[in-house]
Amino acid sequence: MKKDQEILVKPILTEKILKLQEKFAKYAFVVNKNANKVEIKQAVQRKFDVTVDNVQTVNVKGKSKKMNTRRGITRGKRSNWKKAIVTLRSGDSIDFFEGSKN
C-alpha cells in the first residue's frame, strides 16, 4: 500500500476549483500518475478525515514549449501529470488554510 504523501502530491487552488468547492464541495489534487481512484479516495479520507462520494481523474498532457536563445531555438516539453477531482459528502469540507494567520 502506498503512503498518502505519495498519492496526493498537492492541492490545486485556482479560481475555477475554488468556485467548485463553494458550490458543490469538489476539491482538486495533483496526484501520482500511477494512483487509481480507490487509492485516491482512501488517501483523502485518511488525511482529511472526510467522506468521499466520488472521484474523477484526468490525465493532463504537458505543453510543448519553444524558447529563443542566442544559440537558436530550444524546444522542450512540460511533464504530463494527473489531476483528481474529489466530491465530498454534503456537510464535509477541507480547509487548506487552517494554520495560516490573517
N, C-alpha and C. Protein backbone atom coordinates (compact mmCIF):
# COMPACT_ATOMS: atom_id res chain seq x y z
N MET A 1 0.83 -1.17 0.00
CA MET A 1 0.00 0.00 0.00
C MET A 1 0.88 1.24 0.00
N LYS A 2 0.52 2.22 -0.83
CA LYS A 2 1.30 3.45 -0.93
C LYS A 2 0.93 4.40 0.20
N LYS A 3 1.86 5.25 0.56
CA LYS A 3 1.58 6.26 1.57
C LYS A 3 0.74 7.38 0.97
N ASP A 4 -0.01 8.10 1.83
CA ASP A 4 -0.86 9.19 1.35
C ASP A 4 -0.04 10.29 0.70
N GLN A 5 1.18 10.53 1.21
CA GLN A 5 2.02 11.58 0.65
C GLN A 5 2.48 11.22 -0.76
N GLU A 6 2.61 9.92 -1.05
CA GLU A 6 3.00 9.50 -2.38
C GLU A 6 1.84 9.61 -3.36
N ILE A 7 0.62 9.47 -2.88
CA ILE A 7 -0.56 9.52 -3.75
C ILE A 7 -0.98 10.96 -3.99
N LEU A 8 -1.20 11.73 -2.92
CA LEU A 8 -1.60 13.13 -3.04
C LEU A 8 -0.36 14.00 -3.08
N VAL A 9 -0.09 14.63 -4.22
CA VAL A 9 1.10 15.45 -4.36
C VAL A 9 0.86 16.83 -3.76
N LYS A 10 -0.20 17.53 -4.24
CA LYS A 10 -0.54 18.85 -3.72
C LYS A 10 -1.96 19.21 -4.15
N PRO A 11 -2.60 20.12 -3.40
CA PRO A 11 -3.94 20.56 -3.82
C PRO A 11 -3.83 21.58 -4.96
N ILE A 12 -4.88 21.67 -5.75
CA ILE A 12 -4.95 22.67 -6.82
C ILE A 12 -5.88 23.77 -6.33
N LEU A 13 -5.38 25.00 -6.27
CA LEU A 13 -6.17 26.13 -5.77
C LEU A 13 -6.24 27.21 -6.85
N THR A 14 -7.17 27.04 -7.79
CA THR A 14 -7.40 28.04 -8.83
C THR A 14 -8.79 28.63 -8.61
N GLU A 15 -9.10 29.69 -9.33
CA GLU A 15 -10.43 30.31 -9.19
C GLU A 15 -11.54 29.32 -9.52
N LYS A 16 -11.35 28.57 -10.58
CA LYS A 16 -12.37 27.62 -11.02
C LYS A 16 -12.61 26.55 -9.95
N ILE A 17 -11.54 26.02 -9.38
CA ILE A 17 -11.67 24.98 -8.35
C ILE A 17 -12.27 25.57 -7.07
N LEU A 18 -11.89 26.80 -6.71
CA LEU A 18 -12.46 27.42 -5.51
C LEU A 18 -13.97 27.62 -5.64
N LYS A 19 -14.44 27.93 -6.85
CA LYS A 19 -15.89 28.04 -7.06
C LYS A 19 -16.57 26.68 -6.92
N LEU A 20 -15.92 25.63 -7.43
CA LEU A 20 -16.47 24.27 -7.28
C LEU A 20 -16.52 23.86 -5.81
N GLN A 21 -15.52 24.30 -5.02
CA GLN A 21 -15.51 24.00 -3.59
C GLN A 21 -16.71 24.62 -2.90
N GLU A 22 -17.01 25.88 -3.22
CA GLU A 22 -18.12 26.57 -2.57
C GLU A 22 -19.48 25.98 -2.96
N LYS A 23 -19.67 25.72 -4.25
CA LYS A 23 -20.98 25.27 -4.72
C LYS A 23 -21.24 23.78 -4.52
N PHE A 24 -20.26 22.95 -4.87
CA PHE A 24 -20.51 21.51 -4.95
C PHE A 24 -19.63 20.66 -4.04
N ALA A 25 -18.82 21.26 -3.18
CA ALA A 25 -17.90 20.54 -2.29
C ALA A 25 -16.97 19.63 -3.08
N LYS A 26 -16.41 20.16 -4.19
CA LYS A 26 -15.45 19.43 -5.01
C LYS A 26 -14.06 20.02 -4.79
N TYR A 27 -13.08 19.16 -4.59
CA TYR A 27 -11.71 19.57 -4.34
C TYR A 27 -10.80 18.88 -5.34
N ALA A 28 -9.75 19.58 -5.80
CA ALA A 28 -8.86 19.02 -6.81
C ALA A 28 -7.45 18.86 -6.25
N PHE A 29 -6.79 17.79 -6.68
CA PHE A 29 -5.44 17.48 -6.23
C PHE A 29 -4.60 17.04 -7.41
N VAL A 30 -3.31 17.37 -7.38
CA VAL A 30 -2.35 16.74 -8.26
C VAL A 30 -1.99 15.42 -7.59
N VAL A 31 -2.12 14.33 -8.32
CA VAL A 31 -1.88 13.01 -7.73
C VAL A 31 -0.81 12.27 -8.52
N ASN A 32 -0.32 11.20 -7.93
CA ASN A 32 0.66 10.34 -8.58
C ASN A 32 0.04 9.76 -9.84
N LYS A 33 0.82 9.70 -10.93
CA LYS A 33 0.30 9.20 -12.21
C LYS A 33 -0.16 7.75 -12.14
N ASN A 34 0.39 6.98 -11.22
CA ASN A 34 0.04 5.56 -11.12
C ASN A 34 -1.09 5.28 -10.14
N ALA A 35 -1.58 6.31 -9.45
CA ALA A 35 -2.64 6.10 -8.44
C ALA A 35 -3.98 5.89 -9.13
N ASN A 36 -4.79 4.97 -8.56
CA ASN A 36 -6.12 4.76 -9.10
C ASN A 36 -7.16 5.44 -8.20
N LYS A 37 -8.42 5.40 -8.62
CA LYS A 37 -9.49 6.12 -7.91
C LYS A 37 -9.68 5.61 -6.49
N VAL A 38 -9.56 4.32 -6.28
CA VAL A 38 -9.75 3.74 -4.95
C VAL A 38 -8.66 4.23 -4.00
N GLU A 39 -7.42 4.23 -4.46
CA GLU A 39 -6.31 4.71 -3.64
C GLU A 39 -6.44 6.20 -3.33
N ILE A 40 -6.87 7.00 -4.30
CA ILE A 40 -7.06 8.44 -4.10
C ILE A 40 -8.15 8.67 -3.06
N LYS A 41 -9.26 7.94 -3.18
CA LYS A 41 -10.37 8.09 -2.23
C LYS A 41 -9.92 7.77 -0.81
N GLN A 42 -9.21 6.66 -0.64
CA GLN A 42 -8.75 6.26 0.69
C GLN A 42 -7.74 7.26 1.25
N ALA A 43 -6.86 7.79 0.41
CA ALA A 43 -5.86 8.75 0.88
C ALA A 43 -6.51 10.04 1.36
N VAL A 44 -7.50 10.55 0.62
CA VAL A 44 -8.19 11.79 1.01
C VAL A 44 -8.96 11.57 2.31
N GLN A 45 -9.64 10.44 2.42
CA GLN A 45 -10.42 10.15 3.62
C GLN A 45 -9.52 10.03 4.85
N ARG A 46 -8.38 9.38 4.72
CA ARG A 46 -7.45 9.25 5.85
C ARG A 46 -6.81 10.58 6.22
N LYS A 47 -6.36 11.32 5.22
CA LYS A 47 -5.60 12.54 5.50
C LYS A 47 -6.46 13.67 6.06
N PHE A 48 -7.69 13.85 5.54
CA PHE A 48 -8.52 14.98 5.93
C PHE A 48 -9.71 14.60 6.79
N ASP A 49 -9.90 13.33 7.10
CA ASP A 49 -10.99 12.84 7.93
C ASP A 49 -12.35 13.31 7.40
N VAL A 50 -12.60 13.03 6.12
CA VAL A 50 -13.87 13.36 5.46
C VAL A 50 -14.38 12.11 4.74
N THR A 51 -15.63 12.18 4.25
CA THR A 51 -16.21 11.09 3.49
C THR A 51 -16.27 11.48 2.02
N VAL A 52 -15.67 10.68 1.16
CA VAL A 52 -15.62 10.97 -0.27
C VAL A 52 -16.74 10.22 -0.97
N ASP A 53 -17.53 10.94 -1.76
CA ASP A 53 -18.61 10.33 -2.53
C ASP A 53 -18.16 9.89 -3.92
N ASN A 54 -17.32 10.71 -4.58
CA ASN A 54 -16.97 10.44 -5.97
C ASN A 54 -15.55 10.92 -6.25
N VAL A 55 -14.86 10.23 -7.16
CA VAL A 55 -13.52 10.64 -7.60
C VAL A 55 -13.50 10.62 -9.12
N GLN A 56 -13.09 11.73 -9.72
CA GLN A 56 -12.90 11.81 -11.17
C GLN A 56 -11.43 12.11 -11.42
N THR A 57 -10.83 11.41 -12.39
CA THR A 57 -9.42 11.65 -12.68
C THR A 57 -9.24 12.11 -14.12
N VAL A 58 -8.20 12.91 -14.34
CA VAL A 58 -7.88 13.43 -15.66
C VAL A 58 -6.37 13.33 -15.85
N ASN A 59 -5.93 12.73 -16.96
CA ASN A 59 -4.51 12.75 -17.31
C ASN A 59 -4.26 14.00 -18.14
N VAL A 60 -3.45 14.92 -17.62
CA VAL A 60 -3.19 16.20 -18.27
C VAL A 60 -1.88 16.09 -19.05
N LYS A 61 -1.94 16.38 -20.34
CA LYS A 61 -0.76 16.32 -21.19
C LYS A 61 0.10 17.57 -20.98
N GLY A 62 1.41 17.39 -20.94
CA GLY A 62 2.33 18.52 -20.80
C GLY A 62 2.38 19.32 -22.08
N LYS A 63 2.53 20.64 -21.94
CA LYS A 63 2.58 21.52 -23.11
C LYS A 63 3.96 21.50 -23.74
N SER A 64 4.00 21.65 -25.05
CA SER A 64 5.27 21.82 -25.75
C SER A 64 5.68 23.28 -25.63
N LYS A 65 6.96 23.51 -25.39
CA LYS A 65 7.46 24.87 -25.22
C LYS A 65 8.59 25.12 -26.20
N LYS A 66 8.72 26.40 -26.62
CA LYS A 66 9.77 26.81 -27.53
C LYS A 66 10.36 28.11 -27.01
N MET A 67 11.69 28.19 -26.92
CA MET A 67 12.33 29.38 -26.39
C MET A 67 13.46 29.81 -27.32
N ASN A 68 13.46 31.10 -27.65
CA ASN A 68 14.53 31.65 -28.49
C ASN A 68 15.71 32.05 -27.60
N THR A 69 16.88 31.52 -27.90
CA THR A 69 18.09 31.84 -27.16
C THR A 69 19.16 32.31 -28.15
N ARG A 70 20.32 32.70 -27.63
CA ARG A 70 21.42 33.13 -28.51
C ARG A 70 21.91 31.97 -29.39
N ARG A 71 21.74 30.78 -28.91
CA ARG A 71 22.21 29.61 -29.67
C ARG A 71 21.15 29.08 -30.62
N GLY A 72 20.01 29.72 -30.69
CA GLY A 72 18.95 29.26 -31.58
C GLY A 72 17.70 28.91 -30.80
N ILE A 73 16.84 28.18 -31.43
CA ILE A 73 15.56 27.83 -30.83
C ILE A 73 15.73 26.54 -30.00
N THR A 74 15.33 26.61 -28.74
CA THR A 74 15.37 25.46 -27.85
C THR A 74 13.95 24.95 -27.67
N ARG A 75 13.76 23.68 -27.88
CA ARG A 75 12.44 23.10 -27.72
C ARG A 75 12.42 22.21 -26.47
N GLY A 76 11.28 22.21 -25.82
CA GLY A 76 11.14 21.39 -24.63
C GLY A 76 9.69 21.02 -24.40
N LYS A 77 9.43 20.31 -23.33
CA LYS A 77 8.07 19.87 -23.03
C LYS A 77 7.90 19.78 -21.53
N ARG A 78 6.77 20.28 -21.03
CA ARG A 78 6.45 20.10 -19.62
C ARG A 78 6.00 18.65 -19.41
N SER A 79 6.18 18.17 -18.21
CA SER A 79 5.85 16.77 -17.96
C SER A 79 4.33 16.57 -17.85
N ASN A 80 3.89 15.37 -18.17
CA ASN A 80 2.49 15.01 -18.01
C ASN A 80 2.19 14.83 -16.53
N TRP A 81 0.94 15.07 -16.12
CA TRP A 81 0.55 14.89 -14.72
C TRP A 81 -0.91 14.47 -14.65
N LYS A 82 -1.30 14.03 -13.46
CA LYS A 82 -2.66 13.52 -13.26
C LYS A 82 -3.37 14.38 -12.23
N LYS A 83 -4.63 14.70 -12.53
CA LYS A 83 -5.46 15.52 -11.66
C LYS A 83 -6.64 14.69 -11.18
N ALA A 84 -6.98 14.82 -9.90
CA ALA A 84 -8.14 14.14 -9.35
C ALA A 84 -9.09 15.17 -8.77
N ILE A 85 -10.37 15.09 -9.14
CA ILE A 85 -11.40 15.96 -8.59
C ILE A 85 -12.25 15.08 -7.68
N VAL A 86 -12.27 15.45 -6.40
CA VAL A 86 -12.90 14.64 -5.36
C VAL A 86 -14.16 15.35 -4.88
N THR A 87 -15.30 14.66 -4.88
CA THR A 87 -16.56 15.19 -4.36
C THR A 87 -16.78 14.64 -2.97
N LEU A 88 -17.02 15.55 -2.02
CA LEU A 88 -17.23 15.14 -0.63
C LEU A 88 -18.72 15.05 -0.33
N ARG A 89 -19.06 14.29 0.70
CA ARG A 89 -20.44 14.19 1.16
C ARG A 89 -20.87 15.55 1.70
N SER A 90 -22.15 15.89 1.54
CA SER A 90 -22.63 17.20 1.99
C SER A 90 -22.39 17.35 3.49
N GLY A 91 -21.90 18.52 3.87
CA GLY A 91 -21.57 18.79 5.26
C GLY A 91 -20.08 18.68 5.54
N ASP A 92 -19.34 17.93 4.72
CA ASP A 92 -17.89 17.80 4.89
C ASP A 92 -17.18 18.90 4.11
N SER A 93 -16.03 19.32 4.60
CA SER A 93 -15.20 20.29 3.88
C SER A 93 -13.75 20.12 4.29
N ILE A 94 -12.86 20.64 3.45
CA ILE A 94 -11.42 20.61 3.72
C ILE A 94 -10.96 22.05 3.78
N ASP A 95 -10.24 22.41 4.85
CA ASP A 95 -9.70 23.77 4.99
C ASP A 95 -8.20 23.71 4.79
N PHE A 96 -7.73 24.19 3.62
CA PHE A 96 -6.30 24.17 3.33
C PHE A 96 -5.56 25.28 4.06
N PHE A 97 -6.28 26.32 4.52
CA PHE A 97 -5.65 27.50 5.11
C PHE A 97 -5.84 27.56 6.61
N GLU A 98 -6.16 26.46 7.29
CA GLU A 98 -6.49 26.50 8.70
C GLU A 98 -5.35 26.95 9.60
N GLY A 99 -4.10 26.75 9.19
CA GLY A 99 -2.98 27.14 10.02
C GLY A 99 -2.44 28.53 9.70
N SER A 100 -3.01 29.21 8.71
CA SER A 100 -2.48 30.49 8.30
C SER A 100 -3.00 31.63 9.16
N LYS A 101 -2.19 32.68 9.30
CA LYS A 101 -2.57 33.86 10.07
C LYS A 101 -3.13 34.92 9.15
N ASN A 102 -4.13 35.65 9.62
CA ASN A 102 -4.73 36.72 8.80
C ASN A 102 -4.12 38.05 9.11
